[in-house]
Amino acid sequence: MGPYASRIAPRDRWAIVLYLKTLHETRKNAVEPEPVAEDESGEGQSADEAAAN
């Protein structure tokens, strides 16, 4: 696959760079989802619900 510089305007290239940097920062600072524990019935519940039972 060849370079795309000739196909994308310089202003658009910088917009892509800024978008990717923002996406990277957002994902880096994302909160991890709460783990799910299974009870005897096989139903999933959050770790807080499992601790309460």
PDB file of N, CA and C in Angstrom:
ATOM      1  N   MET A   1       0.854  -1.164   0.000  1.00  0.00           N
ATOM      2  CA  MET A   1       0.000   0.000   0.000  1.00  0.00           C
ATOM      3  C   MET A   1       0.907   1.235   0.000  1.00  0.00           C
ATOM      4  N   GLY A   2       0.656   2.094  -0.919  1.00  0.00           N
ATOM      5  CA  GLY A   2       1.485   3.281  -1.057  1.00  0.00           C
ATOM      6  C   GLY A   2       1.085   4.403  -0.113  1.00  0.00           C
ATOM      7  N   PRO A   3       1.868   5.484  -0.114  1.00  0.00           N
ATOM      8  CA  PRO A   3       1.556   6.623   0.747  1.00  0.00           C
ATOM      9  C   PRO A   3       0.290   7.355   0.284  1.00  0.00           C
ATOM     10  N   TYR A   4      -0.383   7.981   1.223  1.00  0.00           N
ATOM     11  CA  TYR A   4      -1.613   8.698   0.931  1.00  0.00           C
ATOM     12  C   TYR A   4      -1.431  10.210   0.967  1.00  0.00           C
ATOM     13  N   ALA A   5      -0.238  10.700   1.204  1.00  0.00           N
ATOM     14  CA  ALA A   5      -0.001  12.138   1.352  1.00  0.00           C
ATOM     15  C   ALA A   5      -0.518  12.929   0.160  1.00  0.00           C
ATOM     16  N   SER A   6      -0.364  12.394  -1.022  1.00  0.00           N
ATOM     17  CA  SER A   6      -0.803  13.132  -2.202  1.00  0.00           C
ATOM     18  C   SER A   6      -2.323  13.150  -2.339  1.00  0.00           C
ATOM     19  N   ARG A   7      -3.005  12.259  -1.659  1.00  0.00           N
ATOM     20  CA  ARG A   7      -4.463  12.157  -1.754  1.00  0.00           C
ATOM     21  C   ARG A   7      -5.192  12.940  -0.671  1.00  0.00           C
ATOM     22  N   ILE A   8      -4.490  13.273   0.423  1.00  0.00           N
ATOM     23  CA  ILE A   8      -5.112  13.958   1.551  1.00  0.00           C
ATOM     24  C   ILE A   8      -4.485  15.335   1.697  1.00  0.00           C
ATOM     25  N   ALA A   9      -5.326  16.346   1.747  1.00  0.00           N
ATOM     26  CA  ALA A   9      -4.849  17.725   1.884  1.00  0.00           C
ATOM     27  C   ALA A   9      -4.124  17.898   3.221  1.00  0.00           C
ATOM     28  N   PRO A  10      -3.102  18.772   3.265  1.00  0.00           N
ATOM     29  CA  PRO A  10      -2.349  18.958   4.515  1.00  0.00           C
ATOM     30  C   PRO A  10      -3.248  19.297   5.716  1.00  0.00           C
ATOM     31  N   ARG A  11      -4.241  20.151   5.505  1.00  0.00           N
ATOM     32  CA  ARG A  11      -5.134  20.507   6.618  1.00  0.00           C
ATOM     33  C   ARG A  11      -5.878  19.263   7.125  1.00  0.00           C
ATOM     34  N   ASP A  12      -6.309  18.414   6.219  1.00  0.00           N
ATOM     35  CA  ASP A  12      -7.002  17.187   6.613  1.00  0.00           C
ATOM     36  C   ASP A  12      -6.058  16.210   7.305  1.00  0.00           C
ATOM     37  N   ARG A  13      -4.809  16.169   6.871  1.00  0.00           N
ATOM     38  CA  ARG A  13      -3.830  15.295   7.527  1.00  0.00           C
ATOM     39  C   ARG A  13      -3.659  15.675   8.985  1.00  0.00           C
ATOM     40  N   TRP A  14      -3.564  16.990   9.256  1.00  0.00           N
ATOM     41  CA  TRP A  14      -3.411  17.443  10.633  1.00  0.00           C
ATOM     42  C   TRP A  14      -4.671  17.165  11.443  1.00  0.00           C
ATOM     43  N   ALA A  15      -5.825  17.260  10.812  1.00  0.00           N
ATOM     44  CA  ALA A  15      -7.074  16.933  11.507  1.00  0.00           C
ATOM     45  C   ALA A  15      -7.083  15.453  11.903  1.00  0.00           C
ATOM     46  N   ILE A  16      -6.587  14.601  11.031  1.00  0.00           N
ATOM     47  CA  ILE A  16      -6.506  13.167  11.321  1.00  0.00           C
ATOM     48  C   ILE A  16      -5.544  12.920  12.483  1.00  0.00           C
ATOM     49  N   VAL A  17      -4.410  13.588  12.463  1.00  0.00           N
ATOM     50  CA  VAL A  17      -3.426  13.438  13.541  1.00  0.00           C
ATOM     51  C   VAL A  17      -4.039  13.844  14.876  1.00  0.00           C
ATOM     52  N   LEU A  18      -4.719  14.988  14.913  1.00  0.00           N
ATOM     53  CA  LEU A  18      -5.337  15.450  16.156  1.00  0.00           C
ATOM     54  C   LEU A  18      -6.432  14.501  16.626  1.00  0.00           C
ATOM     55  N   TYR A  19      -7.206  13.974  15.690  1.00  0.00           N
ATOM     56  CA  TYR A  19      -8.251  13.008  16.045  1.00  0.00           C
ATOM     57  C   TYR A  19      -7.634  11.762  16.680  1.00  0.00           C
ATOM     58  N   LEU A  20      -6.583  11.239  16.074  1.00  0.00           N
ATOM     59  CA  LEU A  20      -5.951  10.031  16.609  1.00  0.00           C
ATOM     60  C   LEU A  20      -5.317  10.281  17.970  1.00  0.00           C
ATOM     61  N   LYS A  21      -4.708  11.448  18.172  1.00  0.00           N
ATOM     62  CA  LYS A  21      -4.130  11.777  19.475  1.00  0.00           C
ATOM     63  C   LYS A  21      -5.225  11.851  20.538  1.00  0.00           C
ATOM     64  N   THR A  22      -6.347  12.484  20.198  1.00  0.00           N
ATOM     65  CA  THR A  22      -7.465  12.592  21.132  1.00  0.00           C
ATOM     66  C   THR A  22      -8.025  11.217  21.453  1.00  0.00           C
ATOM     67  N   LEU A  23      -8.186  10.385  20.441  1.00  0.00           N
ATOM     68  CA  LEU A  23      -8.688   9.029  20.643  1.00  0.00           C
ATOM     69  C   LEU A  23      -7.757   8.246  21.566  1.00  0.00           C
ATOM     70  N   HIS A  24      -6.465   8.383  21.345  1.00  0.00           N
ATOM     71  CA  HIS A  24      -5.481   7.692  22.172  1.00  0.00           C
ATOM     72  C   HIS A  24      -5.579   8.148  23.628  1.00  0.00           C
ATOM     73  N   GLU A  25      -5.666   9.446  23.863  1.00  0.00           N
ATOM     74  CA  GLU A  25      -5.761   9.972  25.219  1.00  0.00           C
ATOM     75  C   GLU A  25      -7.050   9.525  25.895  1.00  0.00           C
ATOM     76  N   THR A  26      -8.138   9.505  25.149  1.00  0.00           N
ATOM     77  CA  THR A  26      -9.421   9.085  25.699  1.00  0.00           C
ATOM     78  C   THR A  26      -9.359   7.631  26.143  1.00  0.00           C
ATOM     79  N   ARG A  27      -8.796   6.792  25.329  1.00  0.00           N
ATOM     80  CA  ARG A  27      -8.715   5.367  25.661  1.00  0.00           C
ATOM     81  C   ARG A  27      -7.727   5.106  26.788  1.00  0.00           C
ATOM     82  N   LYS A  28      -6.664   5.899  26.838  1.00  0.00           N
ATOM     83  CA  LYS A  28      -5.661   5.733  27.876  1.00  0.00           C
ATOM     84  C   LYS A  28      -6.244   6.067  29.250  1.00  0.00           C
ATOM     85  N   ASN A  29      -7.156   7.038  29.296  1.00  0.00           N
ATOM     86  CA  ASN A  29      -7.742   7.477  30.558  1.00  0.00           C
ATOM     87  C   ASN A  29      -9.100   6.855  30.819  1.00  0.00           C
ATOM     88  N   ALA A  30      -9.487   5.860  30.043  1.00  0.00           N
ATOM     89  CA  ALA A  30     -10.799   5.233  30.198  1.00  0.00           C
ATOM     90  C   ALA A  30     -10.865   4.430  31.495  1.00  0.00           C
ATOM     91  N   VAL A  31     -12.037   4.366  32.068  1.00  0.00           N
ATOM     92  CA  VAL A  31     -12.271   3.586  33.283  1.00  0.00           C
ATOM     93  C   VAL A  31     -12.557   2.150  32.868  1.00  0.00           C
ATOM     94  N   GLU A  32     -11.924   1.222  33.561  1.00  0.00           N
ATOM     95  CA  GLU A  32     -12.140  -0.195  33.275  1.00  0.00           C
ATOM     96  C   GLU A  32     -13.533  -0.600  33.740  1.00  0.00           C
ATOM     97  N   PRO A  33     -14.214  -1.464  32.998  1.00  0.00           N
ATOM     98  CA  PRO A  33     -15.541  -1.917  33.431  1.00  0.00           C
ATOM     99  C   PRO A  33     -15.432  -2.780  34.689  1.00  0.00           C
ATOM    100  N   GLU A  34     -16.509  -2.774  35.460  1.00  0.00           N
ATOM    101  CA  GLU A  34     -16.558  -3.544  36.693  1.00  0.00           C
ATOM    102  C   GLU A  34     -16.614  -5.037  36.363  1.00  0.00           C
ATOM    103  N   PRO A  35     -15.815  -5.883  37.041  1.00  0.00           N
ATOM    104  CA  PRO A  35     -15.859  -7.321  36.766  1.00  0.00           C
ATOM    105  C   PRO A  35     -17.212  -7.910  37.151  1.00  0.00           C
ATOM    106  N   VAL A  36     -17.610  -8.951  36.449  1.00  0.00           N
ATOM    107  CA  VAL A  36     -18.884  -9.607  36.703  1.00  0.00           C
ATOM    108  C   VAL A  36     -18.626 -10.982  37.296  1.00  0.00           C
ATOM    109  N   ALA A  37     -19.286 -11.255  38.437  1.00  0.00           N
ATOM    110  CA  ALA A  37     -19.167 -12.563  39.086  1.00  0.00           C
ATOM    111  C   ALA A  37     -20.432 -13.353  38.787  1.00  0.00           C
ATOM    112  N   GLU A  38     -20.312 -14.662  38.669  1.00  0.00           N
ATOM    113  CA  GLU A  38     -21.487 -15.502  38.438  1.00  0.00           C
ATOM    114  C   GLU A  38     -21.925 -16.131  39.745  1.00  0.00           C
ATOM    115  N   ASP A  39     -23.238 -16.128  39.984  1.00  0.00           N
ATOM    116  CA  ASP A  39     -23.763 -16.799  41.172  1.00  0.00           C
ATOM    117  C   ASP A  39     -24.098 -18.246  40.817  1.00  0.00           C
ATOM    118  N   GLU A  40     -24.699 -18.980  41.749  1.00  0.00           N
ATOM    119  CA  GLU A  40     -24.991 -20.396  41.544  1.00  0.00           C
ATOM    120  C   GLU A  40     -25.906 -20.650  40.350  1.00  0.00           C
ATOM    121  N   SER A  41     -26.790 -19.718  40.045  1.00  0.00           N
ATOM    122  CA  SER A  41     -27.734 -19.920  38.948  1.00  0.00           C
ATOM    123  C   SER A  41     -27.108 -19.639  37.585  1.00  0.00           C
ATOM    124  N   GLY A  42     -25.871 -19.164  37.587  1.00  0.00           N
ATOM    125  CA  GLY A  42     -25.223 -18.832  36.328  1.00  0.00           C
ATOM    126  C   GLY A  42     -25.520 -17.419  35.874  1.00  0.00           C
ATOM    127  N   GLU A  43     -26.331 -16.700  36.662  1.00  0.00           N
ATOM    128  CA  GLU A  43     -26.639 -15.315  36.329  1.00  0.00           C
ATOM    129  C   GLU A  43     -25.454 -14.436  36.706  1.00  0.00           C
ATOM    130  N   GLY A  44     -25.136 -13.494  35.867  1.00  0.00           N
ATOM    131  CA  GLY A  44     -24.048 -12.575  36.170  1.00  0.00           C
ATOM    132  C   GLY A  44     -24.508 -11.476  37.105  1.00  0.00           C
ATOM    133  N   GLN A  45     -23.601 -11.019  37.963  1.00  0.00           N
ATOM    134  CA  GLN A  45     -23.877  -9.872  38.815  1.00  0.00           C
ATOM    135  C   GLN A  45     -22.578  -9.124  39.037  1.00  0.00           C
ATOM    136  N   SER A  46     -22.685  -7.857  39.376  1.00  0.00           N
ATOM    137  CA  SER A  46     -21.480  -7.054  39.555  1.00  0.00           C
ATOM    138  C   SER A  46     -20.743  -7.510  40.804  1.00  0.00           C
ATOM    139  N   ALA A  47     -19.496  -7.099  40.930  1.00  0.00           N
ATOM    140  CA  ALA A  47     -18.694  -7.469  42.098  1.00  0.00           C
ATOM    141  C   ALA A  47     -19.295  -6.901  43.372  1.00  0.00           C
ATOM    142  N   ASP A  48     -19.898  -5.701  43.309  1.00  0.00           N
ATOM    143  CA  ASP A  48     -20.546  -5.108  44.481  1.00  0.00           C
ATOM    144  C   ASP A  48     -21.742  -5.935  44.907  1.00  0.00           C
ATOM    145  N   GLU A  49     -22.554  -6.393  43.966  1.00  0.00           N
ATOM    146  CA  GLU A  49     -23.712  -7.218  44.282  1.00  0.00           C
ATOM    147  C   GLU A  49     -23.270  -8.562  44.861  1.00  0.00           C
ATOM    148  N   ALA A  50     -22.210  -9.132  44.312  1.00  0.00           N
ATOM    149  CA  ALA A  50     -21.713 -10.407  44.808  1.00  0.00           C
ATOM    150  C   ALA A  50     -21.195 -10.262  46.234  1.00  0.00           C
ATOM    151  N   ALA A  51     -20.552  -9.162  46.562  1.00  0.00           N
ATOM    152  CA  ALA A  51     -20.019  -8.935  47.905  1.00  0.00           C
ATOM    153  C   ALA A  51     -21.149  -8.747  48.913  1.00  0.00           C
ATOM    154  N   ALA A  52     -22.250  -8.168  48.459  1.00  0.00           N
ATOM    155  CA  ALA A  52     -23.389  -7.924  49.350  1.00  0.00           C
ATOM    156  C   ALA A  52     -24.122  -9.216  49.678  1.00  0.00           C
ATOM    157  N   ASN A  53     -24.022 -10.220  48.816  1.00  0.00           N
ATOM    158  CA  ASN A  53     -24.751 -11.494  49.030  1.00  0.00           C
ATOM    159  C   ASN A  53     -23.929 -12.443  49.819  1.00  0.00           C
TER     160      ASN A  53
END
